[in-house]
Structures are given as C-alpha cells and as structure tokens.
Amino acid sequence: MSFTAPHVGFVLVSYGFSTLVLCGLTAIVLWQARSAANRLKDLEARAVRRRKPAKPVNPA
C-alpha cells in the first residue's frame, strides 16, 4: 500500500473501525459465554436438573 495515495486516510480509518467492531463483537461473545457459565453453575448448585420428556401415550 502506498502511503502517498490520496485515499490512504480512508483506508486506515476503515481498518481501524473494522478492528474496533471485531474487538467489540469478541468482547460481547466472551461476556455472554461467561454469563452462561455462571448461570449453569448457579443452577447446578441449586440442584436444578433437566426434566425427562414425558412418555408418549400408546393408544390401545
């Protein structure tokens, strides 16, 4: 990339903005993963288990 091109500022700002967006999305994903792990730990500590599905009724 030539730094003497007239559009170099636009390209650098675009790269910077893209980097910020990607970092923000990564932070959100990590925050949600931590939140889900904490909720699962809380449910396990309270001994909440998944229910077994109801047995289907056999029409006789």
C-alpha atoms as a PDB file:
ATOM      1  CA  MET A   1       0.000   0.000   0.000  1.00  0.00           C
ATOM      2  CA  SER A   2       1.374   3.371  -0.935  1.00  0.00           C
ATOM      3  CA  PHE A   3       1.110   5.896   1.889  1.00  0.00           C
ATOM      4  CA  THR A   4       1.211   8.730  -0.637  1.00  0.00           C
ATOM      5  CA  ALA A   5      -2.125   7.784  -2.220  1.00  0.00           C
ATOM      6  CA  PRO A   6      -4.908  10.330  -1.642  1.00  0.00           C
ATOM      7  CA  HIS A   7      -7.234   7.723  -0.126  1.00  0.00           C
ATOM      8  CA  VAL A   8      -4.812   6.326   2.477  1.00  0.00           C
ATOM      9  CA  GLY A   9      -6.664   8.116   5.297  1.00  0.00           C
ATOM     10  CA  PHE A  10      -9.937   6.473   4.361  1.00  0.00           C
ATOM     11  CA  VAL A  11      -8.299   3.034   4.221  1.00  0.00           C
ATOM     12  CA  LEU A  12      -6.627   3.441   7.625  1.00  0.00           C
ATOM     13  CA  VAL A  13      -9.836   4.697   9.234  1.00  0.00           C
ATOM     14  CA  SER A  14     -11.719   1.759   7.711  1.00  0.00           C
ATOM     15  CA  TYR A  15      -9.166  -0.714   9.081  1.00  0.00           C
ATOM     16  CA  GLY A  16      -9.365   0.932  12.498  1.00  0.00           C
ATOM     17  CA  PHE A  17     -13.148   0.864  12.533  1.00  0.00           C
ATOM     18  CA  SER A  18     -13.220  -2.778  11.459  1.00  0.00           C
ATOM     19  CA  THR A  19     -10.760  -3.658  14.211  1.00  0.00           C
ATOM     20  CA  LEU A  20     -12.901  -1.897  16.809  1.00  0.00           C
ATOM     21  CA  VAL A  21     -16.046  -3.688  15.625  1.00  0.00           C
ATOM     22  CA  LEU A  22     -14.346  -7.090  15.696  1.00  0.00           C
ATOM     23  CA  CYS A  23     -12.914  -6.456  19.166  1.00  0.00           C
ATOM     24  CA  GLY A  24     -16.344  -5.357  20.387  1.00  0.00           C
ATOM     25  CA  LEU A  25     -18.029  -8.459  18.983  1.00  0.00           C
ATOM     26  CA  THR A  26     -15.367 -10.666  20.555  1.00  0.00           C
ATOM     27  CA  ALA A  27     -15.878  -8.983  23.920  1.00  0.00           C
ATOM     28  CA  ILE A  28     -19.649  -9.480  23.700  1.00  0.00           C
ATOM     29  CA  VAL A  29     -19.270 -13.175  22.859  1.00  0.00           C
ATOM     30  CA  LEU A  30     -16.839 -13.715  25.739  1.00  0.00           C
ATOM     31  CA  TRP A  31     -19.113 -11.820  28.150  1.00  0.00           C
ATOM     32  CA  GLN A  32     -22.138 -13.894  27.133  1.00  0.00           C
ATOM     33  CA  ALA A  33     -20.167 -17.140  27.457  1.00  0.00           C
ATOM     34  CA  ARG A  34     -19.070 -16.183  30.968  1.00  0.00           C
ATOM     35  CA  SER A  35     -22.634 -15.224  31.847  1.00  0.00           C
ATOM     36  CA  ALA A  36     -23.990 -18.558  30.593  1.00  0.00           C
ATOM     37  CA  ALA A  37     -21.324 -20.486  32.523  1.00  0.00           C
ATOM     38  CA  ASN A  38     -22.219 -18.605  35.702  1.00  0.00           C
ATOM     39  CA  ARG A  39     -25.933 -19.334  35.207  1.00  0.00           C
ATOM     40  CA  LEU A  40     -25.188 -23.027  34.704  1.00  0.00           C
ATOM     41  CA  LYS A  41     -23.056 -23.125  37.864  1.00  0.00           C
ATOM     42  CA  ASP A  42     -25.886 -21.472  39.782  1.00  0.00           C
ATOM     43  CA  LEU A  43     -28.438 -23.983  38.500  1.00  0.00           C
ATOM     44  CA  GLU A  44     -26.152 -26.902  39.316  1.00  0.00           C
ATOM     45  CA  ALA A  45     -25.574 -25.525  42.818  1.00  0.00           C
ATOM     46  CA  ARG A  46     -29.345 -25.375  43.356  1.00  0.00           C
ATOM     47  CA  ALA A  47     -29.640 -28.942  42.027  1.00  0.00           C
ATOM     48  CA  VAL A  48     -31.930 -27.993  39.166  1.00  0.00           C
ATOM     49  CA  ARG A  49     -31.910 -30.800  36.632  1.00  0.00           C
ATOM     50  CA  ARG A  50     -33.474 -31.164  33.230  1.00  0.00           C
ATOM     51  CA  ARG A  51     -36.773 -32.947  33.237  1.00  0.00           C
ATOM     52  CA  LYS A  52     -37.117 -36.189  31.396  1.00  0.00           C
ATOM     53  CA  PRO A  53     -39.521 -35.948  28.483  1.00  0.00           C
ATOM     54  CA  ALA A  54     -42.971 -37.313  29.142  1.00  0.00           C
ATOM     55  CA  LYS A  55     -43.542 -40.844  27.932  1.00  0.00           C
ATOM     56  CA  PRO A  56     -45.766 -40.981  24.877  1.00  0.00           C
ATOM     57  CA  VAL A  57     -49.232 -42.346  25.438  1.00  0.00           C
ATOM     58  CA  ASN A  58     -49.825 -45.566  23.496  1.00  0.00           C
ATOM     59  CA  PRO A  59     -53.338 -45.592  22.079  1.00  0.00           C
ATOM     60  CA  ALA A  60     -54.758 -49.053  22.777  1.00  0.00           C
END
